[in-house]
Protein backbone atom coordinates (compact mmCIF):
# COMPACT_ATOMS: atom_id res chain seq x y z
CA MET A 1 0.05 -0.02 0.02
CA ALA A 2 1.64 3.34 -1.00
CA LEU A 3 2.04 5.63 1.76
CA ALA A 4 -0.30 8.23 0.43
CA GLU A 5 -3.05 5.55 0.29
CA LEU A 6 -3.17 4.76 4.06
CA GLU A 7 -6.73 4.25 5.12
CA GLN A 8 -8.10 7.37 6.68
CA VAL A 9 -10.81 7.18 9.44
CA ALA A 10 -12.73 10.24 10.18
CA ARG A 11 -11.83 11.90 13.52
CA ASN A 12 -14.35 12.35 16.13
CA GLY A 13 -12.71 15.32 17.93
CA GLU A 14 -15.64 16.17 20.13
CA GLY A 15 -16.03 12.48 21.12
CA ILE A 16 -12.42 12.15 21.76
CA ASP A 17 -12.27 15.18 24.06
CA ALA A 18 -14.98 14.01 25.94
CA VAL A 19 -13.52 10.39 26.57
CA LEU A 20 -10.30 12.01 27.61
CA GLY A 21 -11.90 14.05 30.11
CA ILE A 22 -13.95 11.32 31.83
CA LEU A 23 -10.98 8.82 31.71
CA ARG A 24 -8.79 11.57 33.36
CA GLN A 25 -11.40 12.23 35.98
CA ARG A 26 -11.97 8.60 36.70
CA TYR A 27 -8.31 7.17 36.39
CA GLY A 28 -6.05 10.22 36.90
CA GLU A 29 -2.50 9.84 35.65
CA ARG A 30 -3.08 6.31 34.71
CA LEU A 31 -4.45 7.94 31.36
CA MET A 32 -1.27 8.88 29.56
CA THR A 33 -1.34 11.71 26.89
CA GLY A 34 2.33 12.61 26.59
CA HIS A 35 3.56 12.60 23.07
CA SER A 36 6.42 10.00 23.43
CA ILE A 37 3.97 7.46 25.08
CA ARG A 38 1.54 8.00 22.38
CA GLU A 39 4.40 7.77 19.72
CA GLN A 40 5.49 4.28 21.40
CA HIS A 41 1.92 2.99 21.03
CA ALA A 42 1.93 3.69 17.37
CA HIS A 43 5.34 2.11 16.85
CA THR A 44 5.51 -0.40 14.06
CA THR A 45 8.49 -2.44 13.02
CA SER A 46 7.34 -2.00 9.40
CA TYR A 47 7.95 1.01 7.33
CA ILE A 48 4.33 2.13 7.70
CA PRO A 49 4.21 5.66 9.25
CA ALA A 50 3.02 6.09 12.72
CA GLN A 51 -0.59 7.33 13.48
CA LEU A 52 -0.69 8.29 17.04
CA PRO A 53 -3.62 7.50 19.55
CA ASP A 54 -4.92 10.56 21.65
CA GLY A 55 -4.36 8.64 24.75
CA VAL A 56 -2.91 5.40 26.33
CA PHE A 57 -4.56 3.50 29.13
CA ALA A 58 -3.38 0.27 30.74
CA PRO A 59 -6.24 -1.58 32.31
CA ALA A 60 -5.52 -3.75 35.47
CA ASN A 61 -8.55 -6.04 34.75
CA VAL A 62 -11.51 -7.00 32.67
CA GLU A 63 -13.84 -4.63 34.54
CA GLU A 64 -11.47 -1.69 33.67
CA ILE A 65 -11.66 -2.82 30.01
CA GLN A 66 -15.28 -2.89 30.14
CA ASP A 67 -15.46 0.69 31.71
CA VAL A 68 -13.28 2.11 28.97
CA VAL A 69 -15.04 0.39 26.05
CA ARG A 70 -18.48 1.48 27.33
CA ILE A 71 -17.17 5.11 27.56
CA CYS A 72 -15.70 4.96 24.21
CA SER A 73 -18.88 3.30 22.78
CA GLU A 74 -21.16 6.14 24.24
CA HIS A 75 -18.97 8.78 22.55
CA ARG A 76 -18.06 6.83 19.26
CA VAL A 77 -14.41 6.93 20.05
CA PRO A 78 -11.72 4.21 18.51
CA ILE A 79 -10.03 1.59 20.78
CA ILE A 80 -6.86 0.15 19.57
CA PRO A 81 -5.53 -3.02 21.54
CA PHE A 82 -1.83 -2.94 22.20
CA GLY A 83 0.38 -5.74 23.12
CA THR A 84 4.24 -5.69 22.48
CA GLY A 85 3.85 -3.77 19.10
CA THR A 86 5.66 -6.07 17.16
CA SER A 87 3.19 -6.62 14.32
CA LEU A 88 4.26 -5.72 10.84
CA GLU A 89 1.21 -4.33 9.00
CA GLY A 90 0.26 -1.25 10.94
CA HIS A 91 -2.24 -3.19 13.22
CA VAL A 92 -1.59 -0.78 16.28
CA ASN A 93 -1.85 2.55 14.28
CA ALA A 94 -4.68 4.85 15.19
CA PRO A 95 -5.77 6.42 11.83
CA GLY A 96 -8.94 8.07 13.47
CA GLY A 97 -7.14 8.84 16.86
CA GLY A 98 -8.73 7.32 20.08
CA ILE A 99 -7.55 5.32 22.98
CA SER A 100 -4.70 2.75 22.88
CA LEU A 101 -5.53 0.04 25.39
CA ASP A 102 -2.17 -1.30 26.41
CA LEU A 103 -2.75 -4.90 27.75
CA MET A 104 0.70 -5.77 28.83
CA GLY A 105 -0.15 -5.17 32.47
CA MET A 106 -2.60 -8.11 32.23
CA ASN A 107 -0.08 -10.70 32.32
CA ARG A 108 -1.22 -13.24 34.97
CA ILE A 109 -1.03 -17.04 34.12
CA LEU A 110 -4.32 -17.89 35.57
CA SER A 111 -4.07 -21.72 35.56
CA VAL A 112 -1.95 -24.70 34.47
CA ASN A 113 -3.84 -27.87 33.99
CA ALA A 114 -0.96 -30.26 33.50
CA GLU A 115 -2.96 -33.45 33.10
CA ASP A 116 -5.16 -31.84 30.48
CA LEU A 117 -2.22 -30.36 28.71
CA ASP A 118 -3.69 -26.77 28.72
CA CYS A 119 -3.30 -23.30 30.56
CA THR A 120 -5.25 -20.16 30.83
CA VAL A 121 -3.49 -17.04 30.67
CA GLU A 122 -4.25 -13.17 30.35
CA PRO A 123 -3.35 -11.36 27.06
CA GLY A 124 -0.27 -9.60 28.28
CA VAL A 125 1.78 -12.91 29.01
CA THR A 126 4.39 -13.27 26.37
CA ARG A 127 5.33 -16.65 24.87
CA GLU A 128 8.85 -16.75 26.57
CA ASP A 129 7.28 -15.89 30.03
CA LEU A 130 4.73 -18.77 29.52
CA ASN A 131 7.54 -21.06 28.77
CA ARG A 132 9.58 -20.07 31.61
CA HIS A 133 6.62 -20.63 33.85
CA LEU A 134 5.99 -24.03 32.40
CA ARG A 135 9.69 -25.43 32.53
CA ASP A 136 9.34 -27.45 35.64
CA THR A 137 6.06 -29.08 34.61
CA GLY A 138 7.55 -30.68 31.46
CA LEU A 139 5.25 -28.84 29.21
CA PHE A 140 5.82 -25.88 26.57
CA PHE A 141 3.82 -23.88 24.43
CA PRO A 142 5.05 -24.38 20.90
CA ILE A 143 4.19 -21.36 18.98
CA ASP A 144 7.22 -19.19 18.01
CA PRO A 145 6.84 -16.22 15.73
CA GLY A 146 10.46 -15.13 16.48
CA ALA A 147 9.47 -11.96 18.43
CA ASN A 148 8.74 -12.38 22.15
CA ALA A 149 5.10 -11.15 21.25
CA SER A 150 2.18 -11.17 23.74
CA LEU A 151 0.00 -14.15 23.56
CA GLY A 152 -3.13 -11.76 23.06
CA GLY A 153 -1.55 -10.29 20.13
CA MET A 154 -0.28 -13.56 18.75
CA ALA A 155 -4.13 -14.61 18.88
CA SER A 156 -5.35 -11.46 17.37
CA THR A 157 -2.95 -11.71 14.33
CA ARG A 158 -3.34 -15.63 13.94
CA ALA A 159 0.45 -15.76 14.43
CA SER A 160 2.57 -19.04 13.79
CA GLY A 161 6.36 -19.14 13.12
CA THR A 162 8.92 -21.61 12.93
CA ASN A 163 7.21 -24.59 14.78
CA ALA A 164 4.05 -24.39 12.75
CA VAL A 165 4.77 -27.29 10.32
CA ARG A 166 4.47 -29.72 13.36
CA TYR A 167 2.39 -27.96 15.92
CA GLY A 168 0.11 -25.63 13.85
CA THR A 169 -0.67 -22.01 14.36
CA MET A 170 -2.43 -19.85 16.98
CA ARG A 171 -5.70 -21.11 15.08
CA GLU A 172 -5.11 -24.59 16.16
CA ASN A 173 -3.73 -23.86 19.75
CA VAL A 174 -6.41 -21.70 21.40
CA LEU A 175 -9.13 -23.80 23.02
CA GLY A 176 -11.14 -20.95 23.87
CA LEU A 177 -11.05 -17.24 25.14
CA THR A 178 -12.86 -14.42 26.85
CA ALA A 179 -13.37 -11.19 25.21
CA VAL A 180 -14.91 -7.82 25.78
CA MET A 181 -17.26 -6.81 22.93
CA PRO A 182 -17.85 -3.33 21.48
CA ASP A 183 -20.92 -2.80 23.86
CA GLY A 184 -18.80 -3.72 27.01
CA ARG A 185 -20.28 -7.20 27.42
CA ALA A 186 -17.71 -9.77 28.36
CA ILE A 187 -18.36 -13.21 26.67
CA THR A 188 -16.66 -16.75 26.74
CA THR A 189 -16.36 -18.49 23.36
CA ALA A 190 -15.69 -21.99 24.65
CA ARG A 191 -14.90 -24.25 27.62
CA ARG A 192 -11.64 -26.31 28.12
CA ALA A 193 -12.83 -29.57 26.47
CA LYS A 194 -10.66 -30.51 23.59
CA LYS A 195 -13.59 -30.51 20.98
CA THR A 196 -17.01 -28.98 20.91
CA SER A 197 -20.00 -28.83 18.49
CA ALA A 198 -21.62 -26.27 20.45
CA GLY A 199 -22.82 -23.49 18.14
CA TYR A 200 -20.82 -20.92 16.09
CA ASP A 201 -17.02 -21.20 16.49
CA LEU A 202 -16.56 -17.82 18.01
CA THR A 203 -12.98 -18.77 19.10
CA ARG A 204 -11.80 -18.90 15.59
CA LEU A 205 -13.70 -15.84 14.61
CA MET A 206 -11.87 -13.94 17.13
CA ILE A 207 -8.52 -15.37 16.41
CA GLY A 208 -6.99 -13.32 13.32
CA ALA A 209 -9.78 -10.57 13.87
CA GLU A 210 -6.81 -8.21 14.68
CA GLY A 211 -8.94 -6.47 17.40
CA THR A 212 -11.63 -5.47 15.02
CA LEU A 213 -14.38 -7.38 16.72
CA GLY A 214 -13.46 -7.12 20.33
CA ILE A 215 -10.71 -7.26 23.01
CA ILE A 216 -9.37 -10.61 24.21
CA THR A 217 -9.07 -10.75 27.85
CA SER A 218 -7.84 -14.33 28.44
CA MET A 219 -7.32 -17.56 26.48
CA THR A 220 -7.02 -21.22 27.17
CA LEU A 221 -4.08 -22.74 25.25
CA LYS A 222 -3.03 -26.17 24.33
CA LEU A 223 0.26 -27.38 25.52
CA GLN A 224 2.80 -29.89 24.48
CA GLY A 225 5.14 -32.18 26.44
CA ILE A 226 8.77 -31.12 26.19
CA PRO A 227 10.36 -33.68 23.81
CA GLN A 228 12.64 -36.18 25.38
CA ALA A 229 15.35 -35.33 22.72
CA ILE A 230 15.88 -32.66 20.10
CA SER A 231 18.21 -32.54 17.15
CA GLY A 232 18.70 -29.86 14.57
CA GLY A 233 21.17 -28.40 12.12
CA VAL A 234 21.85 -26.62 8.81
CA CYS A 235 22.09 -28.13 5.39
CA SER A 236 23.20 -25.96 2.19
CA PHE A 237 21.98 -26.59 -1.42
CA PRO A 238 23.35 -25.55 -4.72
CA ASP A 239 20.19 -23.70 -5.59
CA VAL A 240 16.62 -22.71 -4.59
CA GLU A 241 15.03 -25.32 -6.46
CA ARG A 242 16.62 -28.15 -4.99
CA ALA A 243 16.44 -26.83 -1.34
CA CYS A 244 12.61 -26.64 -1.99
CA GLU A 245 12.42 -30.09 -3.53
CA ALA A 246 14.16 -31.48 -0.51
CA VAL A 247 11.46 -29.85 1.66
CA ILE A 248 8.73 -31.33 -0.48
CA ALA A 249 10.21 -34.75 -0.29
CA THR A 250 10.75 -34.63 3.47
CA ILE A 251 7.06 -33.56 3.99
CA GLN A 252 5.65 -36.23 1.61
CA MET A 253 7.79 -39.00 3.19
CA GLY A 254 6.16 -38.20 6.47
CA VAL A 255 9.37 -37.20 8.36
CA PRO A 256 7.91 -35.61 11.51
CA VAL A 257 10.08 -32.34 11.21
CA ALA A 258 9.23 -29.87 13.83
CA ARG A 259 11.06 -26.74 12.16
CA ILE A 260 12.27 -26.45 8.49
CA GLU A 261 13.33 -23.09 7.65
CA PHE A 262 14.60 -21.57 4.41
CA VAL A 263 17.27 -19.04 4.17
CA ASN A 264 18.52 -17.64 0.74
CA ALA A 265 22.25 -16.99 -0.04
CA LEU A 266 22.19 -13.29 0.72
CA ALA A 267 20.49 -13.80 4.03
CA MET A 268 23.06 -16.55 4.89
CA LYS A 269 25.78 -14.04 4.22
CA ALA A 270 23.97 -11.48 6.68
CA ILE A 271 23.49 -14.21 9.38
CA ASN A 272 27.13 -15.51 9.28
CA ALA A 273 28.46 -11.87 9.70
CA TYR A 274 25.95 -10.70 12.40
CA ALA A 275 26.18 -14.02 14.51
CA GLN A 276 29.85 -14.73 13.61
CA LEU A 277 28.95 -18.22 12.02
CA SER A 278 30.75 -19.72 9.10
CA TYR A 279 27.93 -21.79 7.26
CA PRO A 280 28.03 -21.86 3.36
CA GLU A 281 26.74 -18.72 1.76
CA SER A 282 24.20 -20.48 -0.38
CA PRO A 283 20.53 -21.40 0.00
CA CYS A 284 20.24 -23.37 3.44
CA LEU A 285 17.62 -25.11 5.27
CA PHE A 286 17.55 -25.02 9.11
CA LEU A 287 15.87 -28.07 10.56
CA GLU A 288 14.84 -29.27 14.00
CA PHE A 289 13.57 -32.81 15.06
CA HIS A 290 11.58 -33.61 18.24
CA GLY A 291 11.00 -37.14 19.78
CA SER A 292 13.08 -39.85 21.38
CA GLU A 293 16.88 -40.04 21.20
CA ALA A 294 16.52 -42.79 18.74
CA GLY A 295 13.79 -40.92 16.74
CA VAL A 296 15.44 -37.73 16.33
CA ARG A 297 18.69 -39.40 15.23
CA GLU A 298 16.76 -41.37 12.67
CA GLN A 299 14.98 -38.30 11.40
CA ALA A 300 18.17 -36.29 11.12
CA GLU A 301 19.82 -39.30 9.32
CA THR A 302 16.75 -39.86 6.96
CA PHE A 303 16.73 -35.93 6.02
CA GLY A 304 20.50 -36.14 5.36
CA GLU A 305 19.81 -38.88 2.79
CA ILE A 306 16.96 -36.98 1.10
CA ALA A 307 19.14 -33.82 0.99
CA GLY A 308 22.01 -35.79 -0.66
CA GLU A 309 19.46 -36.90 -3.34
CA PHE A 310 19.05 -33.23 -4.28
CA GLY A 311 22.55 -32.23 -4.22
CA GLY A 312 22.56 -30.87 -0.54
CA GLY A 313 24.75 -31.51 2.43
CA PRO A 314 26.51 -32.37 4.29
CA PHE A 315 23.78 -32.01 6.89
CA GLN A 316 25.49 -30.57 9.92
CA TRP A 317 23.30 -31.52 12.83
CA THR A 318 23.60 -31.80 16.57
CA SER A 319 21.59 -32.86 19.59
CA VAL A 320 23.69 -30.54 21.99
CA ALA A 321 21.41 -28.01 23.39
CA GLU A 322 23.90 -24.97 23.48
CA GLU A 323 24.67 -25.59 19.80
CA ARG A 324 21.07 -25.71 18.93
CA SER A 325 20.39 -22.64 20.73
CA LYS A 326 23.11 -20.82 18.94
CA LEU A 327 21.75 -22.01 15.64
CA TRP A 328 18.09 -20.93 16.36
CA LYS A 329 19.29 -17.58 17.82
CA ALA A 330 20.89 -16.83 14.60
CA ARG A 331 17.90 -17.70 12.90
CA HIS A 332 15.71 -15.48 15.04
CA ASP A 333 18.12 -12.60 14.59
CA ALA A 334 17.91 -12.70 10.92
CA TYR A 335 15.82 -9.54 10.58
CA TRP A 336 18.35 -7.49 12.51
CA ALA A 337 21.01 -9.28 10.64
CA CYS A 338 19.74 -8.43 7.15
CA LEU A 339 19.34 -4.80 8.12
CA THR A 340 23.20 -4.73 8.39
CA LEU A 341 23.45 -5.45 4.70
CA ARG A 342 22.61 -1.77 4.02
CA PRO A 343 23.11 0.52 7.11
CA GLY A 344 20.93 3.43 7.56
CA THR A 345 17.91 1.79 5.82
CA ARG A 346 14.52 0.70 7.04
CA GLY A 347 13.24 -2.86 6.30
CA LEU A 348 9.77 -3.49 4.54
CA SER A 349 8.94 -7.09 5.67
CA THR A 350 6.20 -8.93 3.93
CA ASP A 351 5.09 -12.56 3.59
CA VAL A 352 3.13 -14.75 1.32
CA CYS A 353 2.06 -18.49 1.49
CA VAL A 354 1.53 -20.80 -1.43
CA PRO A 355 0.80 -24.62 -1.80
CA ILE A 356 4.12 -26.46 -1.06
CA SER A 357 4.07 -27.88 -4.55
CA ARG A 358 4.41 -24.18 -6.01
CA LEU A 359 7.18 -22.98 -3.34
CA ALA A 360 10.26 -23.41 -5.46
CA GLU A 361 8.47 -21.76 -8.51
CA CYS A 362 7.25 -18.77 -6.31
CA ILE A 363 10.63 -18.33 -4.55
CA VAL A 364 12.66 -18.51 -7.80
CA GLU A 365 10.36 -15.91 -9.61
CA THR A 366 10.51 -13.62 -6.57
CA GLU A 367 14.40 -13.53 -6.52
CA ALA A 368 14.32 -12.87 -10.23
CA ASP A 369 11.96 -9.96 -9.60
CA ILE A 370 14.17 -8.62 -6.93
CA ALA A 371 17.14 -8.70 -9.16
CA GLU A 372 15.34 -7.05 -11.99
CA SER A 373 13.93 -4.37 -9.82
CA GLY A 374 17.53 -3.53 -8.64
CA LEU A 375 16.43 -3.85 -5.01
CA LEU A 376 18.22 -5.34 -2.03
CA ALA A 377 16.10 -7.91 -0.37
CA THR A 378 16.51 -11.16 1.46
CA VAL A 379 14.25 -14.25 1.40
CA LEU A 380 13.55 -16.46 4.61
CA GLY A 381 10.60 -18.78 5.18
CA HIS A 382 8.80 -21.40 7.20
CA VAL A 383 8.84 -23.55 4.00
CA GLY A 384 7.33 -26.72 5.58
CA ASP A 385 4.08 -24.76 5.33
CA GLY A 386 4.86 -23.05 1.90
CA ASN A 387 5.19 -19.71 3.75
CA PHE A 388 8.10 -17.34 3.12
CA HIS A 389 9.09 -13.69 3.99
CA VAL A 390 10.90 -10.96 1.95
CA LEU A 391 12.72 -8.24 3.75
CA VAL A 392 13.41 -5.27 1.28
CA LEU A 393 15.87 -2.68 2.48
CA MET A 394 15.15 0.83 1.28
CA ASP A 395 15.89 4.50 1.87
CA MET A 396 12.96 6.05 3.46
CA HIS A 397 14.08 9.36 2.06
CA ASP A 398 13.87 8.34 -1.47
CA PRO A 399 10.29 8.26 -2.96
CA ARG A 400 11.33 6.46 -6.03
CA GLU A 401 12.77 3.60 -3.99
CA ILE A 402 9.82 3.46 -1.82
CA ALA A 403 7.65 3.19 -4.97
CA GLN A 404 9.79 0.44 -6.27
CA ALA A 405 9.41 -1.48 -3.11
CA GLU A 406 5.88 -1.11 -2.96
CA ALA A 407 5.35 -2.20 -6.61
CA PHE A 408 7.48 -5.34 -5.93
CA VAL A 409 5.36 -6.11 -2.86
CA ALA A 410 2.07 -6.00 -5.16
CA ARG A 411 3.68 -8.29 -7.72
CA LEU A 412 4.75 -10.74 -4.89
CA ASN A 413 1.15 -10.88 -3.64
CA ARG A 414 -0.39 -11.18 -6.99
CA ARG A 415 2.24 -14.03 -7.84
CA ALA A 416 1.10 -15.94 -4.70
CA LEU A 417 -2.53 -15.38 -5.50
CA SER A 418 -2.03 -16.70 -8.92
CA MET A 419 -0.49 -19.91 -7.51
CA ASP A 420 -3.65 -20.35 -5.29
CA GLY A 421 -1.85 -18.99 -2.34
CA THR A 422 -2.47 -16.25 0.01
CA CYS A 423 -1.22 -12.64 0.46
CA THR A 424 -0.38 -13.28 4.05
CA GLY A 425 0.69 -16.63 5.75
CA GLU A 426 1.06 -15.00 9.22
CA HIS A 427 1.53 -11.28 9.30
CA GLY A 428 -1.99 -10.53 8.95
CA ILE A 429 -3.83 -7.83 6.99
CA GLY A 430 -3.85 -4.63 9.11
CA GLN A 431 -3.43 -1.62 7.05
CA GLY A 432 -0.76 -2.86 4.61
CA LYS A 433 -2.55 -5.62 2.81
CA MET A 434 -6.20 -4.60 2.55
CA ARG A 435 -6.43 -4.41 -1.17
CA PHE A 436 -4.97 -7.75 -1.52
CA LEU A 437 -7.59 -9.29 0.84
CA GLU A 438 -10.18 -7.89 -1.89
CA GLU A 439 -8.42 -9.66 -4.53
CA GLU A 440 -7.79 -12.84 -2.70
CA LEU A 441 -11.35 -13.49 -1.31
CA GLY A 442 -13.51 -11.15 -3.30
CA GLY A 443 -17.14 -11.38 -2.13
CA ALA A 444 -16.21 -13.09 1.06
CA VAL A 445 -14.85 -9.75 2.18
CA ASP A 446 -18.47 -8.40 1.95
CA VAL A 447 -19.42 -11.20 4.48
CA MET A 448 -16.59 -10.09 6.74
CA ARG A 449 -17.98 -6.58 6.59
CA ALA A 450 -21.39 -7.86 7.47
CA ILE A 451 -20.02 -9.56 10.45
CA LYS A 452 -18.13 -6.47 11.66
CA GLN A 453 -21.24 -4.39 11.18
CA ALA A 454 -23.37 -6.67 13.12
CA ILE A 455 -20.88 -6.89 16.05
CA ASP A 456 -19.47 -3.38 15.96
CA PRO A 457 -22.11 -1.14 14.50
CA LEU A 458 -20.10 2.05 15.80
CA ASN A 459 -16.86 0.87 14.17
CA ILE A 460 -14.94 1.69 17.22
CA MET A 461 -12.75 -1.49 17.39
CA ASN A 462 -9.47 -0.86 15.63
CA PRO A 463 -11.00 0.90 12.75
CA GLY A 464 -9.24 1.10 9.41
CA LYS A 465 -7.83 -2.23 9.60
CA ILE A 466 -8.51 -5.52 7.60
CA LEU A 467 -11.70 -4.23 5.85
CA GLY A 468 -10.88 -0.46 5.43
CA ALA A 469 -13.66 2.25 5.88
CA ARG A 470 -17.09 1.08 5.77
CA ARG A 471 -18.85 1.47 2.54
CA SER A 472 -22.17 3.45 2.41
């Protein structure tokens, strides 16, 4: 989306002034209106410019959320839920101003039911905090988007990450949730049972809604047993096609890989320099296997044989925890590593997802497009799902370069759609991909608008995201 095309939401100045006055009278200094705090709550790690809220409030409990929502509803003022601010498509911007509801103070782990392999948490708990809490139980929460995001934010954007090929996304790992709706009601979408046929699946409706339908106040999450043994490693390939063919063969053979990540040659160059590693600077796969000691050894050896058939290898793998941690830290730091390829620039990070049979074709065409455009960009991906990311490095003071990058992103999205894929595997729609959602789903977007209209008729919940301005 071109910077000039950012969705504009009509500003209700009179209503905003009224809400700020009421909240200041009721909560005093807990309502924060300083420029720096408002700027932090419009922060986005993408290149999309910040659109600041008028005030920031950090509720301590559900009742305070309900109070703020009712006040904002009465005066028709936008509410923008905020977690760690790591989303990439402008999800936390406030195009019409309003109140940023900072949920990070609601960070209690409410219960852990080890026998049932589930837990219930508030939205401000981060994935790393949860796993530290669970360590002594022998359980862990597997969804790992890379950033130490809040679990409420991860549910709102339907996050996934490196473990999704084995454990699924947030969609599969949230059993139920509670939420405050636009009229201030608090609802529960499901109980802790592992399956249910009771009515509409409101849990899945809220997951991925990006805060446009309500505010998640707690979630019941599936947990997994910490594997007895873990092995992992890196395998280089002569080209992108053969790396992707090895991925397809691994999945089709039923090897229960936990992580299988693609990193292109330029990204490997950046990772080596940033993390002081010495892997081959060619297309590589990072892998991890979970299971018994014999099982992970067998899985690693099987993958090594598959890689050899496609000209890859040797597969350098290890079961030593410290070595694996170093490997995955390097992969998780890839964003920052790639930024060093062109100091002083900003990164435009985008993602698409295609059927795995079209993965090699899509990545090859994308790399050719990058070269022809004269852009500097890296390609990484959770390729076991057909999902990959492109990070374009660009000079934010050069309008021509910005236009080139945005045109490239448009071609990338349409390339994925032409292969029966999606414009976003895990980043979400936010502000940045609204027009591509229309191209992807057509008339289904009108059904989404009808749901939004029915649930949030005043359009106060994170307006200007996913669906854009309401059509008359």
